[in-house]
């Protein structure tokens, strides 16, 4: 029975993502963002539970990627599609550029599944973090409509995030085999700073958290001792 628990959590991720897609297509992007958060929670715990119960399986890995493709691939594409529809450049074709994010998310997930270098950490921005950034944009648009309402800004975001998804930039994960401060100080700093930013800014904090995540990841891997042959 216990071998089905992680897969059930993964299915909850997928279910939540599907609901988020429905709200995104209806134009209710803020509610959609909360379902992304829920999917992210399920996505975090399915892997953790599988490791704790020692029931990791090939089907679990594939199911996780398929669920992520909806929650963190298709859903952010729909959100960007809607943002481009509301942008300052009126074109019936422009909004479809939003699904470039979906395409690169698929490439990132496929690359992750076959890349043996990504067993502990990530190479390229992970799709949940990228999706959190995308769904934060409607909240930012409330205070800065001239920025998020610009089609040039949105196209630039599509280009930059698509590159980050398939880039060779090493990004740390939170699989903590060792909980010592010395080995994980950048991870702990990131968690503490993120909680403070979210406490003050809520969803508007996400772009700052994304920049902090990439910056501290670079510092984390540069601080690691170089292996000698």
C-alpha atoms as a PDB file:
ATOM      1  CA  UNK A   1       0.000   0.000   0.000  1.00  0.00           C
ATOM      2  CA  UNK A   2       2.738   2.452   0.945  1.00  0.00           C
ATOM      3  CA  UNK A   3       4.286   2.336  -2.545  1.00  0.00           C
ATOM      4  CA  UNK A   4       1.185   4.100  -3.887  1.00  0.00           C
ATOM      5  CA  UNK A   5       1.353   7.023  -1.438  1.00  0.00           C
ATOM      6  CA  UNK A   6       3.981   9.101  -3.350  1.00  0.00           C
ATOM      7  CA  UNK A   7       2.154   8.518  -6.637  1.00  0.00           C
ATOM      8  CA  UNK A   8      -1.110   9.642  -5.037  1.00  0.00           C
ATOM      9  CA  UNK A   9       0.587  12.875  -3.947  1.00  0.00           C
ATOM     10  CA  UNK A  10       1.931  13.333  -7.489  1.00  0.00           C
ATOM     11  CA  UNK A  11      -1.597  12.861  -8.851  1.00  0.00           C
ATOM     12  CA  UNK A  12      -2.772  15.566  -6.444  1.00  0.00           C
ATOM     13  CA  UNK A  13      -0.139  17.842  -7.998  1.00  0.00           C
ATOM     14  CA  UNK A  14      -1.565  17.073 -11.440  1.00  0.00           C
ATOM     15  CA  UNK A  15      -5.171  17.557 -10.298  1.00  0.00           C
ATOM     16  CA  UNK A  16      -4.343  20.910  -8.725  1.00  0.00           C
ATOM     17  CA  UNK A  17      -2.513  21.973 -11.881  1.00  0.00           C
ATOM     18  CA  UNK A  18      -5.538  21.099 -14.032  1.00  0.00           C
ATOM     19  CA  UNK A  19      -7.777  23.275 -11.883  1.00  0.00           C
ATOM     20  CA  UNK A  20      -5.219  26.071 -12.116  1.00  0.00           C
ATOM     21  CA  UNK A  21      -5.282  25.817 -15.917  1.00  0.00           C
ATOM     22  CA  UNK A  22      -9.081  26.176 -15.932  1.00  0.00           C
ATOM     23  CA  UNK A  23      -8.913  29.355 -13.849  1.00  0.00           C
ATOM     24  CA  UNK A  24      -6.076  30.696 -16.028  1.00  0.00           C
ATOM     25  CA  UNK A  25      -8.133  30.205 -19.200  1.00  0.00           C
ATOM     26  CA  UNK A  26     -11.040  31.984 -17.489  1.00  0.00           C
ATOM     27  CA  UNK A  27      -8.697  34.918 -16.828  1.00  0.00           C
ATOM     28  CA  UNK A  28      -8.685  34.473 -13.052  1.00  0.00           C
ATOM     29  CA  UNK A  29      -4.908  34.465 -12.835  1.00  0.00           C
ATOM     30  CA  UNK A  30      -4.684  35.141  -9.109  1.00  0.00           C
ATOM     31  CA  UNK A  31      -6.721  32.054  -8.168  1.00  0.00           C
ATOM     32  CA  UNK A  32      -4.640  30.109 -10.688  1.00  0.00           C
ATOM     33  CA  UNK A  33      -1.502  31.196  -8.821  1.00  0.00           C
ATOM     34  CA  UNK A  34      -2.774  29.685  -5.577  1.00  0.00           C
ATOM     35  CA  UNK A  35      -3.298  26.348  -7.309  1.00  0.00           C
ATOM     36  CA  UNK A  36       0.299  26.577  -8.537  1.00  0.00           C
ATOM     37  CA  UNK A  37       1.363  26.969  -4.913  1.00  0.00           C
ATOM     38  CA  UNK A  38      -0.684  23.912  -3.983  1.00  0.00           C
ATOM     39  CA  UNK A  39       0.869  21.913  -6.831  1.00  0.00           C
ATOM     40  CA  UNK A  40       4.307  23.021  -5.637  1.00  0.00           C
ATOM     41  CA  UNK A  41       3.596  21.715  -2.139  1.00  0.00           C
ATOM     42  CA  UNK A  42       2.491  18.342  -3.522  1.00  0.00           C
ATOM     43  CA  UNK A  43       5.535  18.262  -5.824  1.00  0.00           C
ATOM     44  CA  UNK A  44       7.874  18.864  -2.879  1.00  0.00           C
ATOM     45  CA  UNK A  45       6.345  16.163  -0.713  1.00  0.00           C
ATOM     46  CA  UNK A  46       5.949  13.360  -3.263  1.00  0.00           C
ATOM     47  CA  UNK A  47       9.714  12.969  -3.654  1.00  0.00           C
ATOM     48  CA  UNK A  48      10.338  13.384   0.068  1.00  0.00           C
ATOM     49  CA  UNK A  49       7.747  10.736   0.950  1.00  0.00           C
ATOM     50  CA  UNK A  50       9.147   8.347  -1.675  1.00  0.00           C
ATOM     51  CA  UNK A  51      12.609   8.678  -0.139  1.00  0.00           C
ATOM     52  CA  UNK A  52      11.330   8.296   3.422  1.00  0.00           C
ATOM     53  CA  UNK A  53       9.335   5.171   2.526  1.00  0.00           C
ATOM     54  CA  UNK A  54      12.092   3.912   0.229  1.00  0.00           C
ATOM     55  CA  UNK A  55       9.590   3.277  -2.555  1.00  0.00           C
ATOM     56  CA  UNK A  56      11.094   5.242  -5.436  1.00  0.00           C
ATOM     57  CA  UNK A  57      10.124   3.730  -8.777  1.00  0.00           C
ATOM     58  CA  UNK A  58      10.511   4.303 -12.501  1.00  0.00           C
ATOM     59  CA  UNK A  59       6.794   4.896 -12.928  1.00  0.00           C
ATOM     60  CA  UNK A  60       6.876   7.461 -10.106  1.00  0.00           C
ATOM     61  CA  UNK A  61       9.600   9.403 -11.891  1.00  0.00           C
ATOM     62  CA  UNK A  62       7.679   9.435 -15.176  1.00  0.00           C
ATOM     63  CA  UNK A  63       4.395  10.316 -13.466  1.00  0.00           C
ATOM     64  CA  UNK A  64       6.119  13.196 -11.672  1.00  0.00           C
ATOM     65  CA  UNK A  65       7.353  14.646 -14.980  1.00  0.00           C
ATOM     66  CA  UNK A  66       3.936  14.295 -16.606  1.00  0.00           C
ATOM     67  CA  UNK A  67       2.272  16.045 -13.664  1.00  0.00           C
ATOM     68  CA  UNK A  68       4.912  18.781 -13.720  1.00  0.00           C
ATOM     69  CA  UNK A  69       4.335  19.265 -17.446  1.00  0.00           C
ATOM     70  CA  UNK A  70       0.772  20.355 -16.688  1.00  0.00           C
ATOM     71  CA  UNK A  71       1.302  22.255 -13.427  1.00  0.00           C
ATOM     72  CA  UNK A  72       4.654  23.845 -14.263  1.00  0.00           C
ATOM     73  CA  UNK A  73       4.694  23.724 -18.055  1.00  0.00           C
ATOM     74  CA  UNK A  74       1.254  24.182 -19.567  1.00  0.00           C
ATOM     75  CA  UNK A  75      -0.160  26.350 -16.778  1.00  0.00           C
ATOM     76  CA  UNK A  76       2.524  29.098 -16.929  1.00  0.00           C
ATOM     77  CA  UNK A  77       2.146  29.101 -20.710  1.00  0.00           C
ATOM     78  CA  UNK A  78      -1.578  29.826 -20.310  1.00  0.00           C
ATOM     79  CA  UNK A  79      -0.846  32.588 -17.782  1.00  0.00           C
ATOM     80  CA  UNK A  80       1.609  34.230 -20.186  1.00  0.00           C
ATOM     81  CA  UNK A  81      -0.915  33.780 -23.027  1.00  0.00           C
ATOM     82  CA  UNK A  82      -3.461  35.762 -20.996  1.00  0.00           C
ATOM     83  CA  UNK A  83      -0.948  38.451 -20.028  1.00  0.00           C
ATOM     84  CA  UNK A  84       0.000  38.971 -23.672  1.00  0.00           C
ATOM     85  CA  UNK A  85      -3.683  39.248 -24.579  1.00  0.00           C
ATOM     86  CA  UNK A  86      -3.921  42.154 -22.132  1.00  0.00           C
ATOM     87  CA  UNK A  87      -0.644  43.786 -23.194  1.00  0.00           C
ATOM     88  CA  UNK A  88      -0.230  47.094 -25.009  1.00  0.00           C
ATOM     89  CA  UNK A  89       0.347  45.475 -28.424  1.00  0.00           C
ATOM     90  CA  UNK A  90      -2.930  44.382 -29.942  1.00  0.00           C
ATOM     91  CA  UNK A  91      -2.451  41.271 -32.067  1.00  0.00           C
ATOM     92  CA  UNK A  92      -4.433  38.056 -32.265  1.00  0.00           C
ATOM     93  CA  UNK A  93      -1.244  36.051 -32.800  1.00  0.00           C
ATOM     94  CA  UNK A  94       1.114  37.554 -30.200  1.00  0.00           C
ATOM     95  CA  UNK A  95      -0.421  35.769 -27.161  1.00  0.00           C
ATOM     96  CA  UNK A  96       0.556  32.362 -28.571  1.00  0.00           C
ATOM     97  CA  UNK A  97       4.188  33.224 -27.825  1.00  0.00           C
ATOM     98  CA  UNK A  98       3.284  32.449 -24.212  1.00  0.00           C
ATOM     99  CA  UNK A  99       3.394  28.758 -25.030  1.00  0.00           C
ATOM    100  CA  UNK A 100       7.102  29.025 -25.808  1.00  0.00           C
ATOM    101  CA  UNK A 101       7.435  28.679 -22.031  1.00  0.00           C
ATOM    102  CA  UNK A 102       5.500  25.405 -22.244  1.00  0.00           C
ATOM    103  CA  UNK A 103       7.797  24.111 -24.992  1.00  0.00           C
ATOM    104  CA  UNK A 104      10.977  24.924 -23.065  1.00  0.00           C
ATOM    105  CA  UNK A 105       9.489  23.489 -19.870  1.00  0.00           C
ATOM    106  CA  UNK A 106       8.966  20.208 -21.749  1.00  0.00           C
ATOM    107  CA  UNK A 107      12.561  20.313 -22.970  1.00  0.00           C
ATOM    108  CA  UNK A 108      13.779  21.005 -19.438  1.00  0.00           C
ATOM    109  CA  UNK A 109      11.786  18.098 -17.953  1.00  0.00           C
ATOM    110  CA  UNK A 110      12.938  15.685 -20.676  1.00  0.00           C
ATOM    111  CA  UNK A 111      16.537  16.792 -20.162  1.00  0.00           C
ATOM    112  CA  UNK A 112      16.212  16.302 -16.402  1.00  0.00           C
ATOM    113  CA  UNK A 113      14.958  12.725 -16.832  1.00  0.00           C
ATOM    114  CA  UNK A 114      17.994  11.597 -18.808  1.00  0.00           C
ATOM    115  CA  UNK A 115      20.703  13.801 -17.291  1.00  0.00           C
ATOM    116  CA  UNK A 116      22.607  11.763 -14.709  1.00  0.00           C
ATOM    117  CA  UNK A 117      24.297  14.941 -13.450  1.00  0.00           C
ATOM    118  CA  UNK A 118      21.008  16.104 -11.883  1.00  0.00           C
ATOM    119  CA  UNK A 119      20.530  13.454  -9.216  1.00  0.00           C
ATOM    120  CA  UNK A 120      21.184  15.866  -6.317  1.00  0.00           C
ATOM    121  CA  UNK A 121      20.968  19.357  -7.790  1.00  0.00           C
ATOM    122  CA  UNK A 122      19.618  20.989 -10.932  1.00  0.00           C
ATOM    123  CA  UNK A 123      21.291  22.113 -14.124  1.00  0.00           C
ATOM    124  CA  UNK A 124      19.063  24.834 -15.468  1.00  0.00           C
ATOM    125  CA  UNK A 125      16.197  26.517 -13.649  1.00  0.00           C
ATOM    126  CA  UNK A 126      13.640  24.044 -12.313  1.00  0.00           C
ATOM    127  CA  UNK A 127      10.102  24.351 -13.657  1.00  0.00           C
ATOM    128  CA  UNK A 128       8.319  24.966 -10.299  1.00  0.00           C
ATOM    129  CA  UNK A 129      10.483  28.016  -9.559  1.00  0.00           C
ATOM    130  CA  UNK A 130      10.017  29.327 -13.080  1.00  0.00           C
ATOM    131  CA  UNK A 131       6.245  28.874 -12.795  1.00  0.00           C
ATOM    132  CA  UNK A 132       6.105  30.705  -9.465  1.00  0.00           C
ATOM    133  CA  UNK A 133       7.830  33.618 -11.158  1.00  0.00           C
ATOM    134  CA  UNK A 134       5.403  33.638 -14.090  1.00  0.00           C
ATOM    135  CA  UNK A 135       2.282  33.482 -11.891  1.00  0.00           C
ATOM    136  CA  UNK A 136       3.606  36.342  -9.742  1.00  0.00           C
ATOM    137  CA  UNK A 137       3.401  38.723 -12.721  1.00  0.00           C
ATOM    138  CA  UNK A 138      -0.364  39.404 -12.489  1.00  0.00           C
ATOM    139  CA  UNK A 139       0.119  40.469  -8.847  1.00  0.00           C
ATOM    140  CA  UNK A 140       2.980  42.776  -9.821  1.00  0.00           C
ATOM    141  CA  UNK A 141       0.828  44.204 -12.624  1.00  0.00           C
ATOM    142  CA  UNK A 142      -1.518  45.682 -10.014  1.00  0.00           C
ATOM    143  CA  UNK A 143       1.174  48.113  -8.854  1.00  0.00           C
ATOM    144  CA  UNK A 144       3.219  48.343 -12.049  1.00  0.00           C
ATOM    145  CA  UNK A 145       0.805  47.956 -14.968  1.00  0.00           C
ATOM    146  CA  UNK A 146       3.039  49.952 -17.292  1.00  0.00           C
ATOM    147  CA  UNK A 147       5.812  47.352 -16.879  1.00  0.00           C
ATOM    148  CA  UNK A 148       3.889  44.075 -16.913  1.00  0.00           C
ATOM    149  CA  UNK A 149       1.462  45.476 -19.460  1.00  0.00           C
ATOM    150  CA  UNK A 150       4.297  45.986 -21.921  1.00  0.00           C
ATOM    151  CA  UNK A 151       4.509  43.328 -24.627  1.00  0.00           C
ATOM    152  CA  UNK A 152       8.259  43.998 -24.908  1.00  0.00           C
ATOM    153  CA  UNK A 153       8.715  43.202 -21.206  1.00  0.00           C
ATOM    154  CA  UNK A 154       6.673  40.009 -21.490  1.00  0.00           C
ATOM    155  CA  UNK A 155       8.529  38.816 -24.596  1.00  0.00           C
ATOM    156  CA  UNK A 156      11.838  39.497 -22.818  1.00  0.00           C
ATOM    157  CA  UNK A 157      10.622  37.445 -19.845  1.00  0.00           C
ATOM    158  CA  UNK A 158       9.678  34.582 -22.176  1.00  0.00           C
ATOM    159  CA  UNK A 159      13.126  34.659 -23.794  1.00  0.00           C
ATOM    160  CA  UNK A 160      15.072  34.870 -20.515  1.00  0.00           C
ATOM    161  CA  UNK A 161      13.102  32.215 -18.628  1.00  0.00           C
ATOM    162  CA  UNK A 162      13.153  29.842 -21.611  1.00  0.00           C
ATOM    163  CA  UNK A 163      16.933  30.165 -21.738  1.00  0.00           C
ATOM    164  CA  UNK A 164      17.270  29.600 -17.978  1.00  0.00           C
ATOM    165  CA  UNK A 165      15.177  26.414 -18.148  1.00  0.00           C
ATOM    166  CA  UNK A 166      17.597  24.681 -20.534  1.00  0.00           C
ATOM    167  CA  UNK A 167      20.796  26.465 -19.503  1.00  0.00           C
ATOM    168  CA  UNK A 168      23.859  24.845 -17.943  1.00  0.00           C
ATOM    169  CA  UNK A 169      23.632  27.007 -14.811  1.00  0.00           C
ATOM    170  CA  UNK A 170      23.844  24.823 -11.697  1.00  0.00           C
ATOM    171  CA  UNK A 171      20.983  25.423  -9.265  1.00  0.00           C
ATOM    172  CA  UNK A 172      20.924  23.871  -5.810  1.00  0.00           C
ATOM    173  CA  UNK A 173      18.051  21.702  -4.641  1.00  0.00           C
ATOM    174  CA  UNK A 174      16.934  21.163  -1.053  1.00  0.00           C
ATOM    175  CA  UNK A 175      17.901  17.508  -0.715  1.00  0.00           C
ATOM    176  CA  UNK A 176      19.927  17.996   2.431  1.00  0.00           C
ATOM    177  CA  UNK A 177      22.080  14.946   3.064  1.00  0.00           C
ATOM    178  CA  UNK A 178      24.056  17.038   5.538  1.00  0.00           C
ATOM    179  CA  UNK A 179      22.319  19.762   7.568  1.00  0.00           C
ATOM    180  CA  UNK A 180      25.483  21.533   8.703  1.00  0.00           C
ATOM    181  CA  UNK A 181      25.706  25.303   8.262  1.00  0.00           C
ATOM    182  CA  UNK A 182      29.145  25.087   6.629  1.00  0.00           C
ATOM    183  CA  UNK A 183      27.908  22.994   3.701  1.00  0.00           C
ATOM    184  CA  UNK A 184      24.487  24.591   3.345  1.00  0.00           C
ATOM    185  CA  UNK A 185      24.914  28.227   4.370  1.00  0.00           C
ATOM    186  CA  UNK A 186      23.761  29.599   1.001  1.00  0.00           C
ATOM    187  CA  UNK A 187      20.670  27.377   1.096  1.00  0.00           C
ATOM    188  CA  UNK A 188      19.799  28.490   4.626  1.00  0.00           C
ATOM    189  CA  UNK A 189      20.382  32.158   3.735  1.00  0.00           C
ATOM    190  CA  UNK A 190      18.088  31.703   0.742  1.00  0.00           C
ATOM    191  CA  UNK A 191      15.308  30.141   2.850  1.00  0.00           C
ATOM    192  CA  UNK A 192      15.499  32.815   5.544  1.00  0.00           C
ATOM    193  CA  UNK A 193      15.636  35.696   3.050  1.00  0.00           C
ATOM    194  CA  UNK A 194      12.767  34.194   1.029  1.00  0.00           C
ATOM    195  CA  UNK A 195      10.528  33.908   4.084  1.00  0.00           C
ATOM    196  CA  UNK A 196      11.238  37.531   5.014  1.00  0.00           C
ATOM    197  CA  UNK A 197      10.540  38.748   1.478  1.00  0.00           C
ATOM    198  CA  UNK A 198       7.304  36.752   1.224  1.00  0.00           C
ATOM    199  CA  UNK A 199       6.214  38.049   4.639  1.00  0.00           C
ATOM    200  CA  UNK A 200       6.535  41.643   3.454  1.00  0.00           C
ATOM    201  CA  UNK A 201       5.742  41.408  -0.259  1.00  0.00           C
ATOM    202  CA  UNK A 202       3.821  38.135  -0.755  1.00  0.00           C
ATOM    203  CA  UNK A 203       3.674  37.189  -4.476  1.00  0.00           C
ATOM    204  CA  UNK A 204       5.502  40.378  -5.472  1.00  0.00           C
ATOM    205  CA  UNK A 205       8.561  38.917  -3.707  1.00  0.00           C
ATOM    206  CA  UNK A 206       8.919  36.078  -6.236  1.00  0.00           C
ATOM    207  CA  UNK A 207      11.065  37.934  -8.848  1.00  0.00           C
ATOM    208  CA  UNK A 208      13.491  38.959  -6.094  1.00  0.00           C
ATOM    209  CA  UNK A 209      13.524  35.380  -4.785  1.00  0.00           C
ATOM    210  CA  UNK A 210      14.265  34.056  -8.284  1.00  0.00           C
ATOM    211  CA  UNK A 211      17.267  36.375  -8.681  1.00  0.00           C
ATOM    212  CA  UNK A 212      18.423  35.456  -5.167  1.00  0.00           C
ATOM    213  CA  UNK A 213      18.040  31.726  -5.929  1.00  0.00           C
ATOM    214  CA  UNK A 214      20.203  31.890  -9.040  1.00  0.00           C
ATOM    215  CA  UNK A 215      22.799  34.196  -7.429  1.00  0.00           C
ATOM    216  CA  UNK A 216      23.197  32.101  -4.270  1.00  0.00           C
ATOM    217  CA  UNK A 217      23.314  28.897  -6.334  1.00  0.00           C
ATOM    218  CA  UNK A 218      26.249  30.292  -8.305  1.00  0.00           C
ATOM    219  CA  UNK A 219      28.017  31.258  -5.056  1.00  0.00           C
ATOM    220  CA  UNK A 220      27.206  27.877  -3.512  1.00  0.00           C
ATOM    221  CA  UNK A 221      28.826  25.877  -6.306  1.00  0.00           C
ATOM    222  CA  UNK A 222      31.792  28.245  -6.616  1.00  0.00           C
ATOM    223  CA  UNK A 223      32.482  27.771  -2.905  1.00  0.00           C
ATOM    224  CA  UNK A 224      32.605  23.985  -3.219  1.00  0.00           C
ATOM    225  CA  UNK A 225      36.115  22.521  -3.067  1.00  0.00           C
ATOM    226  CA  UNK A 226      37.416  21.608  -6.507  1.00  0.00           C
ATOM    227  CA  UNK A 227      38.045  17.903  -7.008  1.00  0.00           C
ATOM    228  CA  UNK A 228      41.599  16.989  -7.959  1.00  0.00           C
ATOM    229  CA  UNK A 229      42.494  14.130 -10.250  1.00  0.00           C
END
